[in-house]
N, C-alpha and C. Protein backbone atom coordinates (compact mmCIF):
# COMPACT_ATOMS: atom_id res chain seq x y z
N MET A 1 -41.38 -48.61 44.45
CA MET A 1 -42.62 -48.03 43.95
C MET A 1 -43.80 -48.53 44.78
N PRO A 2 -44.73 -47.64 45.11
CA PRO A 2 -45.92 -48.06 45.86
C PRO A 2 -46.74 -49.06 45.05
N LYS A 3 -47.45 -49.92 45.75
CA LYS A 3 -48.30 -50.89 45.08
C LYS A 3 -49.74 -50.62 45.51
N ALA A 4 -50.61 -50.38 44.54
CA ALA A 4 -52.02 -50.17 44.81
C ALA A 4 -52.80 -51.30 44.15
N ILE A 5 -53.77 -51.81 44.85
CA ILE A 5 -54.61 -52.90 44.34
C ILE A 5 -56.05 -52.41 44.36
N LEU A 6 -56.73 -52.55 43.24
CA LEU A 6 -58.13 -52.16 43.13
C LEU A 6 -58.96 -53.42 42.98
N THR A 7 -59.95 -53.58 43.85
CA THR A 7 -60.86 -54.73 43.80
C THR A 7 -62.28 -54.21 43.71
N VAL A 8 -63.04 -54.66 42.72
CA VAL A 8 -64.43 -54.25 42.54
C VAL A 8 -65.28 -55.51 42.51
N ASN A 9 -66.28 -55.55 43.39
CA ASN A 9 -67.14 -56.74 43.51
C ASN A 9 -66.31 -58.01 43.65
N GLU A 10 -65.28 -57.92 44.50
CA GLU A 10 -64.37 -59.02 44.80
C GLU A 10 -63.59 -59.50 43.58
N ARG A 11 -63.49 -58.67 42.55
CA ARG A 11 -62.70 -58.98 41.36
C ARG A 11 -61.54 -58.00 41.28
N LYS A 12 -60.33 -58.53 41.23
CA LYS A 12 -59.13 -57.71 41.17
C LYS A 12 -59.03 -57.06 39.79
N ILE A 13 -58.89 -55.73 39.80
CA ILE A 13 -58.78 -54.97 38.56
C ILE A 13 -57.30 -54.62 38.35
N PRO A 14 -56.71 -55.05 37.25
CA PRO A 14 -55.30 -54.75 37.02
C PRO A 14 -55.08 -53.26 36.76
N LEU A 15 -54.04 -52.70 37.39
CA LEU A 15 -53.69 -51.29 37.21
C LEU A 15 -52.27 -51.19 36.68
N LYS A 16 -52.07 -50.35 35.69
CA LYS A 16 -50.72 -50.09 35.19
C LYS A 16 -49.97 -49.30 36.25
N ASP A 17 -48.64 -49.30 36.16
CA ASP A 17 -47.80 -48.61 37.14
C ASP A 17 -48.22 -47.16 37.34
N PHE A 18 -48.51 -46.47 36.24
CA PHE A 18 -48.91 -45.06 36.32
C PHE A 18 -50.17 -44.89 37.16
N MET A 19 -51.16 -45.76 36.95
CA MET A 19 -52.42 -45.67 37.70
C MET A 19 -52.21 -46.00 39.17
N GLN A 20 -51.34 -46.99 39.47
CA GLN A 20 -51.04 -47.32 40.86
C GLN A 20 -50.42 -46.12 41.56
N GLU A 21 -49.47 -45.47 40.90
CA GLU A 21 -48.79 -44.33 41.49
C GLU A 21 -49.75 -43.15 41.67
N MET A 22 -50.60 -42.92 40.69
CA MET A 22 -51.57 -41.82 40.77
C MET A 22 -52.56 -42.05 41.92
N LEU A 23 -53.10 -43.25 42.01
CA LEU A 23 -54.04 -43.58 43.08
C LEU A 23 -53.39 -43.43 44.45
N THR A 24 -52.15 -43.90 44.57
CA THR A 24 -51.41 -43.78 45.83
C THR A 24 -51.20 -42.32 46.20
N ASN A 25 -50.81 -41.49 45.24
CA ASN A 25 -50.57 -40.07 45.52
C ASN A 25 -51.84 -39.34 45.92
N ILE A 26 -52.96 -39.67 45.29
CA ILE A 26 -54.24 -39.04 45.64
C ILE A 26 -54.60 -39.37 47.09
N ILE A 27 -54.50 -40.64 47.46
CA ILE A 27 -54.85 -41.06 48.82
C ILE A 27 -53.89 -40.46 49.84
N GLN A 28 -52.59 -40.46 49.55
CA GLN A 28 -51.62 -39.89 50.48
C GLN A 28 -51.86 -38.39 50.65
N GLY A 29 -52.20 -37.68 49.58
CA GLY A 29 -52.51 -36.26 49.67
C GLY A 29 -53.73 -36.02 50.55
N PHE A 30 -54.75 -36.83 50.39
CA PHE A 30 -55.96 -36.72 51.21
C PHE A 30 -55.63 -36.96 52.68
N LEU A 31 -54.85 -38.00 52.95
CA LEU A 31 -54.53 -38.35 54.34
C LEU A 31 -53.59 -37.34 54.99
N SER A 32 -52.73 -36.69 54.21
CA SER A 32 -51.78 -35.74 54.79
C SER A 32 -52.48 -34.53 55.40
N SER A 33 -53.70 -34.25 54.96
CA SER A 33 -54.44 -33.12 55.51
C SER A 33 -55.54 -33.57 56.48
N THR A 34 -55.53 -34.84 56.85
CA THR A 34 -56.53 -35.39 57.77
C THR A 34 -55.93 -35.56 59.15
N LYS A 35 -56.62 -35.00 60.15
CA LYS A 35 -56.13 -35.11 61.53
C LYS A 35 -56.18 -36.55 62.01
N GLY A 36 -55.19 -36.93 62.82
CA GLY A 36 -55.17 -38.24 63.44
C GLY A 36 -54.47 -39.32 62.63
N VAL A 37 -54.04 -39.01 61.42
CA VAL A 37 -53.35 -40.00 60.59
C VAL A 37 -51.86 -39.89 60.86
N PRO A 38 -51.19 -40.99 61.20
CA PRO A 38 -49.75 -40.94 61.46
C PRO A 38 -48.98 -40.47 60.23
N GLU A 39 -47.87 -39.77 60.47
CA GLU A 39 -47.04 -39.28 59.37
C GLU A 39 -46.42 -40.42 58.57
N ASN A 40 -45.89 -41.41 59.27
CA ASN A 40 -45.23 -42.53 58.61
C ASN A 40 -46.20 -43.70 58.46
N THR A 41 -46.80 -43.80 57.30
CA THR A 41 -47.72 -44.91 57.05
C THR A 41 -47.07 -45.89 56.09
N GLU A 42 -47.31 -47.16 56.31
CA GLU A 42 -46.78 -48.20 55.44
C GLU A 42 -47.89 -48.87 54.64
N THR A 43 -49.04 -49.00 55.26
CA THR A 43 -50.18 -49.67 54.62
C THR A 43 -51.43 -48.86 54.85
N ILE A 44 -52.22 -48.69 53.80
CA ILE A 44 -53.51 -47.99 53.89
C ILE A 44 -54.54 -48.89 53.24
N LYS A 45 -55.64 -49.15 53.93
CA LYS A 45 -56.73 -49.92 53.36
C LYS A 45 -57.98 -49.06 53.35
N ILE A 46 -58.68 -49.04 52.23
CA ILE A 46 -59.93 -48.28 52.10
C ILE A 46 -60.98 -49.22 51.54
N GLU A 47 -62.13 -49.25 52.18
CA GLU A 47 -63.25 -50.06 51.68
C GLU A 47 -64.45 -49.14 51.51
N ILE A 48 -65.05 -49.16 50.34
CA ILE A 48 -66.20 -48.32 50.05
C ILE A 48 -67.36 -49.24 49.63
N THR A 49 -68.47 -49.09 50.31
CA THR A 49 -69.67 -49.85 49.96
C THR A 49 -70.68 -48.89 49.36
N LEU A 50 -71.15 -49.19 48.18
CA LEU A 50 -72.13 -48.33 47.50
C LEU A 50 -73.50 -48.92 47.57
């Protein structure tokens, strides 16, 4: 099973298995339609600054 970690303001937010899988699927779907992203990915890191 994929593992997703959510950190907000440097505080780790616990995610249930369902939420980890949903977040992973959303990101993988986004990346699958983005040019330049390798087909076989093992690790994806996203950082958002607001």
